[in-house]
Protein backbone atom coordinates (compact mmCIF):
# COMPACT_ATOMS: atom_id res chain seq x y z
CA MET A 1 18.40 -13.56 21.99
CA LYS A 2 19.08 -9.93 21.59
CA ALA A 3 19.39 -8.05 24.75
CA ILE A 4 16.12 -5.72 25.42
CA LYS A 5 14.77 -3.44 28.03
CA ILE A 6 11.26 -3.80 29.21
CA PHE A 7 9.69 -1.11 31.50
CA LEU A 8 6.46 -1.60 33.41
CA THR A 9 4.50 0.74 35.53
CA GLY A 10 1.99 0.27 38.14
CA MET A 11 3.22 -2.99 39.34
CA LEU A 12 6.22 -4.43 41.24
CA GLY A 13 7.40 -6.91 38.57
CA LEU A 14 5.95 -9.64 36.26
CA CYS A 15 6.92 -12.69 38.30
CA LEU A 16 6.46 -10.91 41.73
CA ALA A 17 3.27 -9.23 41.75
CA PHE A 18 0.31 -8.37 39.74
CA PRO A 19 -1.84 -5.21 39.55
CA VAL A 20 -5.07 -4.88 41.31
CA PHE A 21 -7.82 -3.08 39.06
CA ALA A 22 -10.74 -1.40 40.12
CA GLN A 23 -13.96 -2.90 38.73
CA SER A 24 -14.33 -0.05 35.93
CA THR A 25 -14.94 -0.78 32.27
CA ASP A 26 -12.27 1.67 31.00
CA ALA A 27 -8.97 1.57 29.71
CA SER A 28 -7.41 2.12 33.21
CA ARG A 29 -7.76 -1.81 33.81
CA PHE A 30 -4.92 -2.28 31.46
CA ASP A 31 -1.57 -1.70 32.69
CA ARG A 32 1.32 -0.03 30.75
CA GLY A 33 4.54 -1.44 29.29
CA SER A 34 7.30 -0.49 26.78
CA TYR A 35 9.55 -2.80 24.73
CA ILE A 36 12.72 -1.10 23.76
CA ASN A 37 15.32 -2.39 21.43
CA LYS A 38 18.12 -0.24 19.76
CA GLY A 39 16.11 2.92 20.36
CA ASP A 40 13.02 1.70 18.73
CA THR A 41 10.00 1.54 21.09
CA ILE A 42 6.78 -0.53 21.28
CA PRO A 43 4.56 0.91 23.77
CA TYR A 44 1.76 -1.59 25.04
CA ARG A 45 -1.12 -2.07 27.38
CA PHE A 46 -1.87 -5.42 28.91
CA ILE A 47 -4.25 -6.92 31.27
CA PHE A 48 -3.67 -10.07 33.51
CA PRO A 49 -6.49 -12.63 34.15
CA GLN A 50 -8.60 -12.43 37.28
CA ASN A 51 -6.94 -13.88 40.28
CA PHE A 52 -3.63 -13.92 38.47
CA ASP A 53 -1.36 -16.71 39.96
CA PRO A 54 2.36 -16.24 38.55
CA THR A 55 2.89 -19.99 39.47
CA LYS A 56 0.24 -21.05 36.78
CA LYS A 57 0.18 -20.62 33.00
CA TYR A 58 -2.18 -18.68 30.99
CA ALA A 59 -3.15 -18.19 27.45
CA MET A 60 -1.83 -14.91 25.74
CA ILE A 61 -3.83 -13.00 23.09
CA ILE A 62 -2.05 -10.18 21.10
CA VAL A 63 -4.54 -7.65 19.58
CA LEU A 64 -3.12 -5.34 16.72
CA HIS A 65 -4.76 -2.00 16.10
CA GLY A 66 -5.32 -0.16 12.84
CA ALA A 67 -3.57 2.71 11.20
CA GLY A 68 -5.67 5.41 12.83
CA GLU A 69 -4.60 4.41 16.25
CA ARG A 70 -0.73 4.58 15.74
CA GLY A 71 1.45 6.93 17.84
CA ASN A 72 3.33 6.84 21.23
CA ASN A 73 0.55 7.80 23.66
CA ASN A 74 0.09 4.24 24.62
CA GLU A 75 -3.62 4.69 24.65
CA SER A 76 -5.12 4.99 21.26
CA GLN A 77 -4.70 1.38 20.52
CA LEU A 78 -7.35 0.55 23.06
CA LYS A 79 -9.99 2.26 21.05
CA TYR A 80 -11.43 -0.87 19.54
CA GLY A 81 -12.00 -4.31 21.14
CA THR A 82 -11.15 -3.71 24.80
CA GLN A 83 -14.68 -4.27 26.04
CA LEU A 84 -14.52 -7.85 24.64
CA PHE A 85 -11.53 -8.45 26.82
CA LEU A 86 -12.87 -6.53 29.69
CA ASN A 87 -16.03 -8.71 29.89
CA ASP A 88 -15.82 -10.33 33.35
CA THR A 89 -17.81 -13.39 32.10
CA ILE A 90 -15.24 -13.86 29.27
CA ARG A 91 -12.34 -13.31 31.63
CA ALA A 92 -13.50 -15.83 34.18
CA LYS A 93 -14.19 -18.59 31.70
CA TYR A 94 -11.28 -17.86 29.37
CA PRO A 95 -8.34 -16.51 31.51
CA ALA A 96 -5.73 -14.85 29.35
CA ILE A 97 -3.08 -12.19 29.35
CA VAL A 98 -4.16 -9.67 26.76
CA ILE A 99 -1.74 -7.38 25.12
CA PHE A 100 -2.44 -4.30 22.92
CA PRO A 101 0.81 -3.18 21.23
CA GLN A 102 1.00 0.33 19.73
CA CYS A 103 2.45 0.93 16.23
CA PRO A 104 4.58 4.05 15.94
CA ALA A 105 3.02 6.81 13.99
CA ASN A 106 5.75 6.66 11.12
CA SER A 107 5.52 2.86 10.72
CA PHE A 108 3.23 0.04 9.85
CA TRP A 109 2.70 -3.39 11.13
CA SER A 110 3.06 -5.11 7.68
CA ASN A 111 5.29 -4.17 4.69
CA VAL A 112 2.42 -3.72 2.33
CA LYS A 113 2.77 -0.84 -0.34
CA ILE A 114 0.19 1.80 -0.17
CA GLY A 115 -0.57 3.87 -3.06
CA HIS A 116 -3.53 5.50 -5.04
CA ASP A 117 -5.36 4.73 -8.25
CA ALA A 118 -6.25 7.33 -10.77
CA SER A 119 -9.51 8.21 -8.91
CA GLY A 120 -7.50 8.70 -5.70
CA LYS A 121 -8.67 5.57 -4.01
CA ILE A 122 -6.18 3.81 -1.71
CA THR A 123 -4.51 0.76 -3.12
CA TRP A 124 -2.96 -2.05 -1.30
CA THR A 125 0.00 -4.11 -2.73
CA PHE A 126 0.81 -7.06 -0.27
CA VAL A 127 4.59 -8.21 -0.31
CA GLN A 128 5.35 -11.84 -0.46
CA GLY A 129 8.49 -11.47 1.40
CA GLY A 130 10.80 -8.68 2.45
CA ASP A 131 12.37 -7.51 5.59
CA PRO A 132 10.06 -6.62 8.49
CA THR A 133 9.17 -2.92 9.32
CA THR A 134 10.45 -0.99 12.33
CA ALA A 135 7.09 -1.75 13.88
CA MET A 136 7.05 -5.58 13.03
CA THR A 137 10.62 -5.84 14.26
CA GLY A 138 9.69 -4.46 17.64
CA LEU A 139 6.42 -6.34 17.67
CA LEU A 140 8.45 -9.71 17.12
CA GLY A 141 10.72 -8.74 20.02
CA LEU A 142 7.91 -7.90 22.44
CA ILE A 143 6.03 -11.08 21.75
CA ASP A 144 9.22 -13.18 21.99
CA GLN A 145 9.95 -11.28 25.35
CA TRP A 146 6.59 -12.39 26.63
CA LEU A 147 6.88 -15.89 25.53
CA ASP A 148 9.78 -16.20 27.82
CA LYS A 149 7.64 -15.66 30.87
CA PRO A 150 7.10 -18.77 32.92
CA PHE A 151 3.41 -17.95 33.29
CA VAL A 152 2.73 -17.78 29.58
CA ASP A 153 1.24 -21.11 28.09
CA LYS A 154 2.99 -21.28 24.77
CA HIS A 155 0.51 -23.78 23.54
CA HIS A 156 -2.24 -21.19 23.82
CA VAL A 157 -0.97 -18.15 22.13
CA TYR A 158 -3.26 -16.18 19.84
CA VAL A 159 -3.09 -13.26 17.54
CA GLY A 160 -5.61 -10.96 15.85
CA GLY A 161 -6.31 -7.47 14.45
CA LEU A 162 -8.25 -5.02 12.63
CA SER A 163 -7.42 -3.26 9.38
CA MET A 164 -3.71 -2.51 9.45
CA GLY A 165 -3.69 -5.04 12.39
CA GLY A 166 -5.53 -7.62 10.35
CA MET A 167 -2.66 -7.15 7.79
CA GLY A 168 -0.08 -7.33 10.60
CA THR A 169 -1.72 -10.56 11.88
CA PHE A 170 -1.25 -12.31 8.42
CA GLU A 171 2.43 -11.21 8.48
CA LEU A 172 3.01 -12.53 11.86
CA LEU A 173 1.70 -15.84 10.69
CA ARG A 174 4.18 -15.61 7.89
CA ARG A 175 7.02 -14.87 9.97
CA LYS A 176 6.14 -16.99 13.04
CA PRO A 177 3.60 -19.57 12.34
CA GLU A 178 5.06 -21.79 15.08
CA TRP A 179 4.04 -19.39 17.73
CA PHE A 180 0.19 -19.06 17.45
CA ALA A 181 -2.39 -21.66 17.98
CA ALA A 182 -5.04 -19.67 16.06
CA ALA A 183 -5.64 -16.14 14.69
CA PHE A 184 -8.14 -13.70 13.40
CA SER A 185 -8.15 -10.98 10.96
CA ILE A 186 -10.79 -8.08 10.51
CA CYS A 187 -10.76 -6.32 7.28
CA GLY A 188 -7.11 -7.02 6.45
CA GLY A 189 -5.26 -8.80 3.59
CA ASP A 190 -1.96 -10.47 2.47
CA ASN A 191 -0.31 -11.77 -0.65
CA THR A 192 -1.93 -14.97 -1.66
CA LEU A 193 1.38 -16.60 -2.13
CA ASN A 194 2.05 -16.33 1.59
CA ALA A 195 -0.77 -18.53 2.33
CA LYS A 196 1.20 -21.74 2.06
CA VAL A 197 3.28 -20.67 5.06
CA TYR A 198 0.54 -20.89 7.54
CA ALA A 199 -2.59 -22.45 5.75
CA LYS A 200 -2.28 -25.84 7.60
CA LYS A 201 -0.56 -24.46 10.62
CA VAL A 202 -2.58 -21.85 11.98
CA PRO A 203 -6.34 -21.94 12.18
CA MET A 204 -7.92 -18.61 10.94
CA TRP A 205 -11.27 -16.68 11.36
CA ILE A 206 -11.48 -13.96 8.77
CA PHE A 207 -13.87 -11.03 8.92
CA HIS A 208 -14.83 -8.40 6.34
CA GLY A 209 -17.46 -5.98 5.63
CA GLN A 210 -18.81 -6.34 2.06
CA LYS A 211 -19.19 -2.60 1.36
CA ASP A 212 -15.48 -1.76 2.82
CA SER A 213 -14.44 1.47 1.10
CA VAL A 214 -11.08 1.66 2.54
CA VAL A 215 -9.66 -2.19 2.39
CA PRO A 216 -11.60 -3.76 -0.39
CA PHE A 217 -13.64 -6.83 0.73
CA ASP A 218 -11.75 -8.95 -1.99
CA HIS A 219 -8.63 -8.63 -0.05
CA SER A 220 -10.15 -11.07 2.59
CA SER A 221 -11.98 -13.26 0.08
CA ILE A 222 -9.10 -14.07 -2.02
CA MET A 223 -7.11 -14.97 1.06
CA VAL A 224 -9.88 -17.50 2.06
CA ALA A 225 -9.61 -19.09 -1.21
CA ALA A 226 -5.84 -19.16 -1.11
CA ILE A 227 -5.66 -20.63 2.31
CA LYS A 228 -8.10 -23.29 1.17
CA ALA A 229 -6.07 -24.03 -1.89
CA GLU A 230 -3.16 -24.73 0.32
CA GLY A 231 -5.06 -27.00 2.54
CA GLY A 232 -6.42 -24.94 5.28
CA ASN A 233 -10.12 -24.29 6.37
CA PRO A 234 -10.44 -21.05 7.45
CA LYS A 235 -13.85 -19.52 9.05
CA PHE A 236 -15.12 -16.61 6.99
CA THR A 237 -17.66 -14.12 8.24
CA VAL A 238 -19.03 -11.63 5.90
CA TYR A 239 -21.05 -8.57 7.01
CA PRO A 240 -23.22 -7.57 3.92
CA ASN A 241 -23.98 -4.01 5.14
CA ASP A 242 -20.65 -3.12 7.01
CA ASP A 243 -18.08 -0.52 5.52
CA HIS A 244 -14.76 -0.56 7.09
CA ASN A 245 -15.70 -0.77 10.69
CA SER A 246 -16.51 -4.19 10.49
CA TRP A 247 -14.52 -4.60 13.60
CA ASP A 248 -17.58 -3.43 15.65
CA ASP A 249 -19.57 -6.52 14.71
CA ALA A 250 -16.54 -8.96 14.68
CA PHE A 251 -15.87 -8.06 18.29
CA LYS A 252 -19.40 -8.82 19.26
CA GLU A 253 -19.10 -12.34 17.82
CA PRO A 254 -20.03 -14.61 20.80
CA GLN A 255 -18.05 -17.59 19.56
CA LEU A 256 -14.72 -15.50 18.80
CA ILE A 257 -13.04 -16.11 22.32
CA PRO A 258 -14.41 -19.70 22.51
CA TRP A 259 -13.20 -20.57 19.19
CA LEU A 260 -9.61 -19.12 19.90
CA PHE A 261 -9.47 -21.32 23.01
CA GLU A 262 -10.52 -24.47 21.07
CA HIS A 263 -7.20 -24.35 19.50
CA LYS A 264 -3.96 -25.77 20.97
CA LYS A 265 -0.48 -25.52 19.52
């Protein structure tokens, strides 16, 4: 394993102590960390389960944000989805370490090619293979670092994301299907030829708004078909009246967290 540095603030050390959070409902309940490798940095925020005991093992959930939340302030990535993971009822019933990494402003989770058609509309060309982006390289290292922690249950590791993060979720499954017990993608997409890598290995729940004007609905619907063609059985939830912000509805799905926890690697 490559040497890395991991910095944490607000706590004494991952294996020695854990943070005590006020019972607020804002981002302050997430502690801060940074993964640094060869000058590349992935800031992230994380929260431990209630009554965290470092001698026990816990599920881990990685949540990937969209393109609009890129940067290095280690805060913008918490804009969407945090309320689900801060819900005390959910946290009590489904204890998990939840991590929100932040993609650098000049990078992208997946190596999709972004262009524009004649009308100026964004086009997305998903790559079948290729080297990981700087952000994906850092993300892989960050997850690998956490998987080494004795309190992480490697049989219950989950990933999901929205928009760019949904695309990054598909790419993570292509690169490391052995890591994840289940995954969700909200208004994302992938190259259909990649489906064979993870179709039968990682259960997926895919969400998309049918009126999406940024990432076309077809990008999810064709992936559902491709995964089924390769022997998978993805869940597919369509929001007929949603535009690109289908994550608002997806994160309100009462069965999302229970569904993740149904799956074990």
